[in-house]
Amino acid sequence: MPHRPPDASAPSLDSLEQLVALLRNDDVDAAIDAGLMAAWPDMCADVLDADARALLLDARARLRTAWDARARFEARNARLARLAEEREIARRIPAPASAAADAAPARPALPTNAAAILARAKARAAGGTS
């Protein structure tokens, strides 16, 4: 395996032990401030004993999951707000009058035979004869 130069973003052993101590004291906020979620590979925790490594990596995984869920929740709320705003705008703007509604219909509403029957019925009802 080729030798890999040390990663500048990799925390020191002292920093990792400080993170573990903060997590054991249930001070997650201080651990985050101390660099718990900084961009360093999980394999940097291999220098710790098994319990400390498990605690550190589990805390990082849980926070990553929680932060991802929060991001999805915020994106969903933003999407719902945008849709509600679009619906509100569409509701406020009256629909344009259709040109077809303003123009006279191209053909009569009733077929010719039905219109003739209706005209005769109206004439009889009015007292006329047909």
Protein backbone atom coordinates (compact mmCIF):
# COMPACT_ATOMS: atom_id res chain seq x y z
CA MET A 1 0.00 0.00 0.00
CA PRO A 2 1.51 3.36 -0.99
CA HIS A 3 2.40 5.85 1.71
CA ARG A 4 -0.18 8.57 2.01
CA PRO A 5 0.84 12.02 3.26
CA PRO A 6 -1.00 13.16 6.37
CA ASP A 7 -4.26 14.91 5.67
CA ALA A 8 -4.16 18.52 6.84
CA SER A 9 -7.80 18.30 7.90
CA ALA A 10 -7.27 15.16 9.99
CA PRO A 11 -7.68 15.84 13.71
CA SER A 12 -4.88 15.01 16.11
CA LEU A 13 -5.17 12.23 18.66
CA ASP A 14 -5.61 14.86 21.39
CA SER A 15 -8.49 16.44 19.44
CA LEU A 16 -10.17 13.07 18.99
CA GLU A 17 -9.81 12.26 22.67
CA GLN A 18 -11.26 15.66 23.54
CA LEU A 19 -14.25 14.93 21.28
CA VAL A 20 -14.76 11.55 22.94
CA ALA A 21 -14.59 13.16 26.40
CA LEU A 22 -17.18 15.75 25.41
CA LEU A 23 -19.46 13.03 24.01
CA ARG A 24 -19.09 10.95 27.16
CA ASN A 25 -20.16 14.03 29.14
CA ASP A 26 -23.17 14.30 26.78
CA ASP A 27 -22.01 17.74 25.60
CA VAL A 28 -22.78 17.30 21.92
CA ASP A 29 -22.91 21.03 21.22
CA ALA A 30 -19.38 21.51 22.55
CA ALA A 31 -18.23 18.48 20.54
CA ILE A 32 -19.70 20.01 17.39
CA ASP A 33 -17.96 23.29 18.17
CA ALA A 34 -14.70 21.35 18.73
CA GLY A 35 -14.92 19.85 15.22
CA LEU A 36 -16.95 16.67 15.55
CA MET A 37 -18.60 17.22 12.17
CA ALA A 38 -15.61 18.77 10.42
CA ALA A 39 -14.64 17.25 7.09
CA TRP A 40 -12.27 14.50 8.15
CA PRO A 41 -12.48 10.85 7.16
CA ASP A 42 -13.91 8.40 9.67
CA MET A 43 -10.77 6.28 9.43
CA CYS A 44 -8.95 8.99 11.43
CA ALA A 45 -10.74 7.55 14.48
CA ASP A 46 -8.87 4.25 14.03
CA VAL A 47 -6.19 5.53 16.43
CA LEU A 48 -8.73 5.38 19.29
CA ASP A 49 -9.69 2.33 21.29
CA ALA A 50 -12.77 0.41 20.11
CA ASP A 51 -15.26 1.95 22.57
CA ALA A 52 -14.11 5.51 21.93
CA ARG A 53 -14.08 4.95 18.16
CA ALA A 54 -17.60 3.48 18.25
CA LEU A 55 -18.88 6.39 20.34
CA LEU A 56 -17.30 8.98 18.06
CA LEU A 57 -18.37 7.40 14.78
CA ASP A 58 -21.88 6.68 16.05
CA ALA A 59 -22.31 10.29 17.14
CA ARG A 60 -21.11 11.52 13.73
CA ALA A 61 -23.47 9.13 11.92
CA ARG A 62 -26.47 10.12 14.06
CA LEU A 63 -25.77 13.82 13.55
CA ARG A 64 -25.29 13.36 9.82
CA THR A 65 -28.63 11.49 9.63
CA ALA A 66 -30.39 14.16 11.71
CA TRP A 67 -28.95 17.02 9.68
CA ASP A 68 -29.88 15.31 6.41
CA ALA A 69 -33.44 14.83 7.71
CA ARG A 70 -33.61 18.49 8.73
CA ALA A 71 -32.43 19.53 5.26
CA ARG A 72 -35.13 17.36 3.63
CA PHE A 73 -37.75 18.81 6.00
CA GLU A 74 -36.70 22.38 5.19
CA ALA A 75 -36.70 21.64 1.46
CA ARG A 76 -40.19 20.13 1.76
CA ASN A 77 -41.47 23.17 3.66
CA ALA A 78 -39.95 25.50 1.08
CA ARG A 79 -41.56 23.47 -1.73
CA LEU A 80 -44.97 23.52 0.01
CA ALA A 81 -44.70 27.27 0.64
CA ARG A 82 -43.82 27.87 -3.01
CA LEU A 83 -46.81 25.77 -4.16
CA ALA A 84 -49.15 27.57 -1.75
CA GLU A 85 -47.91 30.92 -3.03
CA GLU A 86 -48.44 29.82 -6.64
CA ARG A 87 -51.98 28.67 -5.81
CA GLU A 88 -52.71 31.97 -4.04
CA ILE A 89 -51.46 33.97 -7.02
CA ALA A 90 -53.52 31.83 -9.40
CA ARG A 91 -56.58 32.29 -7.19
CA ARG A 92 -56.21 36.08 -7.14
CA ILE A 93 -55.77 36.51 -10.89
CA PRO A 94 -59.12 36.16 -12.70
CA ALA A 95 -59.17 33.74 -15.59
CA PRO A 96 -59.10 35.56 -18.93
CA ALA A 97 -62.40 35.60 -20.78
CA SER A 98 -62.34 33.07 -23.52
CA ALA A 99 -62.63 34.41 -27.06
CA ALA A 100 -64.94 31.52 -27.90
CA ALA A 101 -67.40 32.56 -25.19
CA ASP A 102 -67.60 36.10 -26.58
CA ALA A 103 -68.15 35.06 -30.19
CA ALA A 104 -71.48 33.84 -31.48
CA PRO A 105 -71.59 30.08 -31.76
CA ALA A 106 -70.82 28.80 -35.26
CA ARG A 107 -73.86 26.54 -35.24
CA PRO A 108 -77.18 26.72 -33.41
CA ALA A 109 -77.42 25.36 -29.90
CA LEU A 110 -80.12 22.88 -31.02
CA PRO A 111 -80.30 20.82 -34.16
CA THR A 112 -82.66 22.26 -36.78
CA ASN A 113 -85.39 19.64 -36.23
CA ALA A 114 -85.34 20.14 -32.47
CA ALA A 115 -85.44 23.92 -32.87
CA ALA A 116 -88.49 23.63 -35.14
CA ILE A 117 -90.29 21.33 -32.67
CA LEU A 118 -89.50 23.73 -29.84
CA ALA A 119 -90.77 26.70 -31.83
CA ARG A 120 -94.06 24.93 -32.56
CA ALA A 121 -94.46 23.96 -28.89
CA LYS A 122 -93.86 27.57 -27.81
CA ALA A 123 -96.39 28.80 -30.36
CA ARG A 124 -99.03 26.34 -29.13
CA ALA A 125 -98.35 27.30 -25.55
CA ALA A 126 -98.79 30.96 -26.46
CA GLY A 127 -102.18 30.13 -28.02
CA GLY A 128 -101.18 30.17 -31.63
CA THR A 129 -101.55 27.36 -34.17
CA SER A 130 -98.99 25.72 -36.32
